[in-house]
Amino acid sequence: MATSRGSSRVELTASLNYASLDVEQAGEIQNVIGKFDPDVVIHTAAMTQVDDCELHKEACWQANVKAVENVVNVLTGTKTHLIHLSTDFIFDGTKELLTEEDVPNPISFYGESKLAAEEIVMSADVSASIVRTVLVYGYTPGMSRSNLVLWVKASLESGKHIRVVNDQWRTPTLAEDLAKGCGLLTSSREQGIFNISGNDYLTPYQMAMQTAEYFELDATLIEEVDSSIFTQPAKRPPKTGFNIDKAKNSLGYNPHSFTEGLAIIASQLAAS
């Protein structure tokens, strides 16, 4: 089954149950868990706009920390396994291709909130997995926000000149691969921290150029810049990206390449 605030924003199949749920309200969590008695809960809800988190810290803490505390409190004493999604932004960007054993050191309030949430999950008396992921991209009809690939594609199709940074490094993650990683953990219920991301280690500029090439768009509209030209409320770690050997070896996780991810998005867009 699926949950979110308000009505569903995506088309539901006959086999999928849906319930409106605000995870900032402990009573609503208790009602949904009590009604459906799930074997596994995949907690994805979060305030993820990094600058908004820096500017609205109380709202960020409520969404990213207090909500997780609510979920954990309801699941304590049950047999339900919790899969909690986290982020590469818990790191400071001084080391690349991080493992699950590397020590976090967030440089933004968003990162601080996500690390605090991890600590709540790890210290709780619940069966749990923490999934850390990086720069998720993909497409689904009715999606509530865009991502780098779709933004680049739409901008170039409209003839818009865009500036994209080439001094930040990530391992971008196809949404389907993230879902696959969560699915593997749903089956195994293996506890602990798992890096779930793509294999390719790329800058946003490289991603933009590959997107332009794949969709045969005008790459001359893309200007290579470094992050110092942007004034943003929150700091971004310059280098992250994940070593995903643990997920490969323990779970059998095998993500798509970035080019394969673009092909999947192209087929989804063609079918929509």
Protein backbone atom coordinates (compact mmCIF):
# COMPACT_ATOMS: atom_id res chain seq x y z
CA MET A 1 0.00 0.00 0.00
CA ALA A 2 1.02 3.65 -0.39
CA THR A 3 0.55 6.78 1.70
CA SER A 4 1.07 10.52 1.42
CA ARG A 5 -0.58 13.71 2.55
CA GLY A 6 -3.98 14.22 0.97
CA SER A 7 -5.18 12.29 -2.06
CA SER A 8 -2.90 10.18 -4.24
CA ARG A 9 -0.96 12.14 -6.86
CA VAL A 10 -0.37 9.11 -9.06
CA GLU A 11 -2.77 6.70 -10.76
CA LEU A 12 -3.52 3.73 -8.52
CA THR A 13 -3.92 0.16 -9.70
CA ALA A 14 -6.70 -2.08 -8.42
CA SER A 15 -4.22 -4.06 -6.33
CA LEU A 16 -2.75 -1.02 -4.52
CA ASN A 17 -4.29 0.31 -1.33
CA TYR A 18 -3.85 3.99 -0.55
CA ALA A 19 -4.27 5.92 2.69
CA SER A 20 -3.83 9.61 3.38
CA LEU A 21 -1.18 10.02 6.06
CA ASP A 22 0.67 12.96 7.62
CA VAL A 23 3.68 11.44 9.38
CA GLU A 24 4.02 14.56 11.51
CA GLN A 25 0.83 13.40 13.26
CA ALA A 26 1.55 10.41 15.49
CA GLY A 27 -2.12 9.51 15.76
CA GLU A 28 -2.47 9.16 12.00
CA ILE A 29 0.52 6.82 11.88
CA GLN A 30 -0.98 4.70 14.65
CA ASN A 31 -4.29 4.48 12.79
CA VAL A 32 -2.73 3.44 9.47
CA ILE A 33 -0.31 0.93 11.02
CA GLY A 34 -3.09 -0.49 13.15
CA LYS A 35 -5.43 -0.86 10.17
CA PHE A 36 -3.02 -2.41 7.67
CA ASP A 37 -0.48 -4.14 9.95
CA PRO A 38 2.37 -3.95 7.40
CA ASP A 39 5.30 -6.35 7.36
CA VAL A 40 7.59 -3.55 6.14
CA VAL A 41 7.37 0.25 6.23
CA ILE A 42 9.47 2.22 3.72
CA HIS A 43 9.75 5.74 5.09
CA THR A 44 10.50 8.22 2.30
CA ALA A 45 8.73 11.35 3.53
CA ALA A 46 11.05 14.30 4.10
CA MET A 47 11.65 17.98 3.48
CA THR A 48 14.42 17.70 0.87
CA GLN A 49 14.82 21.19 -0.61
CA VAL A 50 18.18 22.00 0.93
CA ASP A 51 17.82 25.79 0.90
CA ASP A 52 14.27 25.65 2.27
CA CYS A 53 15.57 23.56 5.16
CA GLU A 54 18.21 26.17 5.90
CA LEU A 55 15.65 28.98 5.85
CA HIS A 56 12.85 27.15 7.65
CA LYS A 57 14.64 25.08 10.27
CA GLU A 58 11.66 24.37 12.50
CA ALA A 59 9.60 23.00 9.60
CA CYS A 60 12.60 20.97 8.47
CA TRP A 61 13.09 19.47 11.93
CA GLN A 62 9.41 18.59 12.20
CA ALA A 63 9.39 16.85 8.80
CA ASN A 64 12.77 15.16 8.93
CA VAL A 65 13.28 14.35 12.60
CA LYS A 66 10.07 14.54 14.61
CA ALA A 67 8.17 12.59 11.94
CA VAL A 68 10.77 9.82 12.04
CA GLU A 69 10.51 9.78 15.82
CA ASN A 70 6.74 9.36 15.42
CA VAL A 71 7.16 6.43 13.03
CA VAL A 72 9.73 4.72 15.25
CA ASN A 73 7.58 5.14 18.36
CA VAL A 74 4.60 3.49 16.65
CA LEU A 75 6.69 0.60 15.31
CA THR A 76 8.46 -0.09 18.61
CA GLY A 77 7.30 -3.44 19.95
CA THR A 78 5.96 -4.62 16.59
CA LYS A 79 7.47 -7.08 14.11
CA THR A 80 7.34 -4.51 11.29
CA HIS A 81 10.66 -3.85 9.57
CA LEU A 82 11.47 -0.19 8.89
CA ILE A 83 13.39 0.97 5.81
CA HIS A 84 14.36 4.60 6.26
CA LEU A 85 15.72 6.73 3.42
CA SER A 86 18.68 9.00 4.06
CA THR A 87 21.12 11.04 1.98
CA ASP A 88 24.72 11.74 0.98
CA PHE A 89 24.26 15.24 2.41
CA ILE A 90 25.07 13.94 5.89
CA PHE A 91 28.71 14.15 4.72
CA ASP A 92 30.91 17.24 4.29
CA GLY A 93 32.20 16.48 0.80
CA THR A 94 35.87 16.04 1.67
CA LYS A 95 35.85 12.36 0.66
CA GLU A 96 34.43 10.74 -2.44
CA LEU A 97 32.85 7.33 -3.00
CA LEU A 98 31.86 6.92 0.62
CA THR A 99 31.27 3.61 2.34
CA GLU A 100 28.73 2.82 5.03
CA GLU A 101 31.51 3.06 7.63
CA ASP A 102 32.57 6.63 6.81
CA VAL A 103 31.86 9.16 9.56
CA PRO A 104 29.15 11.74 8.77
CA ASN A 105 29.79 15.46 9.17
CA PRO A 106 26.91 17.50 7.73
CA ILE A 107 27.49 21.08 6.55
CA SER A 108 23.84 22.07 6.08
CA PHE A 109 20.79 22.01 8.32
CA TYR A 110 19.19 19.53 5.94
CA GLY A 111 22.15 17.20 6.47
CA GLU A 112 21.97 17.71 10.23
CA SER A 113 18.29 16.79 10.26
CA LYS A 114 18.81 13.65 8.20
CA LEU A 115 21.70 12.52 10.39
CA ALA A 116 19.58 13.09 13.50
CA ALA A 117 16.87 10.93 11.92
CA GLU A 118 19.39 8.16 11.25
CA GLU A 119 20.48 8.26 14.87
CA ILE A 120 16.87 7.92 16.04
CA VAL A 121 16.34 4.87 13.82
CA MET A 122 19.62 3.21 14.81
CA SER A 123 19.05 3.68 18.53
CA ALA A 124 15.43 2.48 18.49
CA ASP A 125 14.21 -0.97 19.44
CA VAL A 126 12.95 -1.73 15.94
CA SER A 127 14.13 -3.91 13.07
CA ALA A 128 15.48 -1.36 10.59
CA SER A 129 17.55 -0.66 7.50
CA ILE A 130 18.86 2.77 6.55
CA VAL A 131 19.13 3.43 2.83
CA ARG A 132 21.46 6.28 1.87
CA THR A 133 21.00 7.53 -1.66
CA VAL A 134 22.29 10.27 -3.99
CA LEU A 135 20.74 12.71 -6.50
CA VAL A 136 17.68 10.70 -7.53
CA TYR A 137 16.37 11.18 -11.07
CA GLY A 138 13.54 9.62 -13.06
CA TYR A 139 10.03 10.13 -14.34
CA THR A 140 6.50 9.18 -13.41
CA PRO A 141 3.22 10.79 -14.56
CA GLY A 142 1.92 13.35 -12.09
CA MET A 143 5.21 13.73 -10.22
CA SER A 144 5.21 16.68 -7.82
CA ARG A 145 8.74 17.94 -8.52
CA SER A 146 11.34 17.74 -11.25
CA ASN A 147 14.95 16.54 -11.18
CA LEU A 148 18.17 17.42 -12.97
CA VAL A 149 17.59 15.25 -16.05
CA LEU A 150 14.04 16.46 -16.67
CA TRP A 151 15.03 20.08 -15.98
CA VAL A 152 17.89 19.93 -18.48
CA LYS A 153 15.70 18.27 -21.10
CA ALA A 154 12.84 20.75 -20.71
CA SER A 155 15.18 23.75 -20.67
CA LEU A 156 17.02 22.75 -23.84
CA GLU A 157 13.80 21.86 -25.63
CA SER A 158 12.55 25.39 -24.94
CA GLY A 159 15.84 26.92 -26.13
CA LYS A 160 16.78 28.15 -22.67
CA HIS A 161 20.41 28.80 -21.76
CA ILE A 162 21.34 27.03 -18.52
CA ARG A 163 24.35 27.07 -16.21
CA VAL A 164 25.35 23.75 -14.64
CA VAL A 165 28.10 23.14 -12.09
CA ASN A 166 31.10 20.99 -12.90
CA ASP A 167 32.79 21.02 -9.48
CA GLN A 168 30.40 18.78 -7.55
CA TRP A 169 30.56 15.00 -7.89
CA ARG A 170 27.79 12.48 -7.25
CA THR A 171 26.68 8.93 -8.13
CA PRO A 172 23.21 9.76 -9.56
CA THR A 173 20.49 7.27 -8.76
CA LEU A 174 17.70 6.17 -11.09
CA ALA A 175 14.40 6.08 -9.16
CA GLU A 176 13.77 2.51 -10.32
CA ASP A 177 17.13 1.44 -8.89
CA LEU A 178 16.33 3.05 -5.56
CA ALA A 179 13.01 1.21 -5.54
CA LYS A 180 14.82 -2.03 -6.42
CA GLY A 181 17.23 -1.57 -3.53
CA CYS A 182 14.34 -1.00 -1.15
CA GLY A 183 12.61 -4.06 -2.58
CA LEU A 184 15.66 -6.22 -1.95
CA LEU A 185 15.74 -5.04 1.65
CA THR A 186 12.02 -5.70 1.95
CA SER A 187 12.71 -9.32 1.06
CA SER A 188 15.86 -9.82 3.13
CA ARG A 189 15.03 -7.51 6.05
CA GLU A 190 18.77 -7.17 6.55
CA GLN A 191 19.47 -4.57 9.18
CA GLY A 192 22.03 -1.77 9.10
CA ILE A 193 23.12 0.95 6.67
CA PHE A 194 23.18 0.42 2.90
CA ASN A 195 24.38 2.73 0.15
CA ILE A 196 21.94 2.54 -2.75
CA SER A 197 22.92 4.65 -5.77
CA GLY A 198 24.19 4.45 -9.31
CA ASN A 199 27.66 3.30 -10.37
CA ASP A 200 28.59 6.30 -12.49
CA TYR A 201 30.57 9.06 -10.76
CA LEU A 202 29.52 12.27 -12.51
CA THR A 203 29.20 16.01 -12.11
CA PRO A 204 25.84 17.70 -12.82
CA TYR A 205 27.46 19.24 -15.91
CA GLN A 206 28.45 15.81 -17.21
CA MET A 207 24.92 14.59 -16.55
CA ALA A 208 23.52 17.57 -18.44
CA MET A 209 25.82 17.00 -21.41
CA GLN A 210 24.95 13.31 -21.58
CA THR A 211 21.25 14.19 -21.37
CA ALA A 212 21.62 16.65 -24.26
CA GLU A 213 23.46 14.07 -26.34
CA TYR A 214 20.97 11.28 -25.65
CA PHE A 215 17.91 13.36 -26.51
CA GLU A 216 19.72 15.08 -29.43
CA LEU A 217 19.35 18.57 -27.96
CA ASP A 218 21.51 21.66 -28.32
CA ALA A 219 24.38 21.23 -25.85
CA THR A 220 25.76 24.69 -26.68
CA LEU A 221 22.97 26.06 -24.45
CA ILE A 222 24.70 24.46 -21.45
CA GLU A 223 27.32 26.63 -19.75
CA GLU A 224 29.88 24.93 -17.53
CA VAL A 225 30.29 26.82 -14.26
CA ASP A 226 31.54 26.21 -10.73
CA SER A 227 29.41 26.47 -7.63
CA SER A 228 31.08 29.67 -6.40
CA ILE A 229 28.97 31.76 -8.81
CA PHE A 230 25.75 30.78 -7.01
CA THR A 231 24.64 32.39 -3.76
CA GLN A 232 22.67 29.78 -1.85
CA PRO A 233 21.52 29.69 1.78
CA ALA A 234 22.80 26.14 2.33
CA LYS A 235 26.20 24.66 1.62
CA ARG A 236 26.51 21.62 -0.63
CA PRO A 237 29.18 18.95 -0.16
CA PRO A 238 31.51 19.22 -3.17
CA LYS A 239 32.20 15.49 -3.47
CA THR A 240 30.14 12.58 -2.26
CA GLY A 241 28.97 9.59 -4.28
CA PHE A 242 28.78 6.12 -2.83
CA ASN A 243 30.71 2.91 -2.88
CA ILE A 244 27.89 0.37 -3.32
CA ASP A 245 29.88 -2.86 -2.86
CA LYS A 246 27.98 -3.79 0.32
CA ALA A 247 24.61 -3.60 -1.45
CA LYS A 248 25.96 -5.53 -4.42
CA ASN A 249 27.46 -8.29 -2.31
CA SER A 250 24.81 -8.54 0.43
CA LEU A 251 21.64 -7.84 -1.53
CA GLY A 252 22.48 -8.60 -5.17
CA TYR A 253 21.89 -4.96 -6.05
CA ASN A 254 22.96 -4.02 -9.59
CA PRO A 255 21.99 -0.52 -10.79
CA HIS A 256 21.59 0.75 -14.34
CA SER A 257 24.24 2.93 -15.93
CA PHE A 258 23.37 6.60 -16.37
CA THR A 259 22.91 6.07 -20.11
CA GLU A 260 20.56 3.15 -19.43
CA GLY A 261 18.65 5.38 -17.03
CA LEU A 262 18.19 7.99 -19.76
CA ALA A 263 16.84 5.28 -22.05
CA ILE A 264 14.30 4.23 -19.43
CA ILE A 265 13.14 7.82 -18.98
CA ALA A 266 12.84 8.22 -22.74
CA SER A 267 10.61 5.16 -22.99
CA GLN A 268 8.47 6.34 -20.07
CA LEU A 269 8.02 9.78 -21.62
CA ALA A 270 7.09 8.22 -24.95
CA ALA A 271 4.44 6.10 -23.27
CA SER A 272 2.92 8.92 -21.21
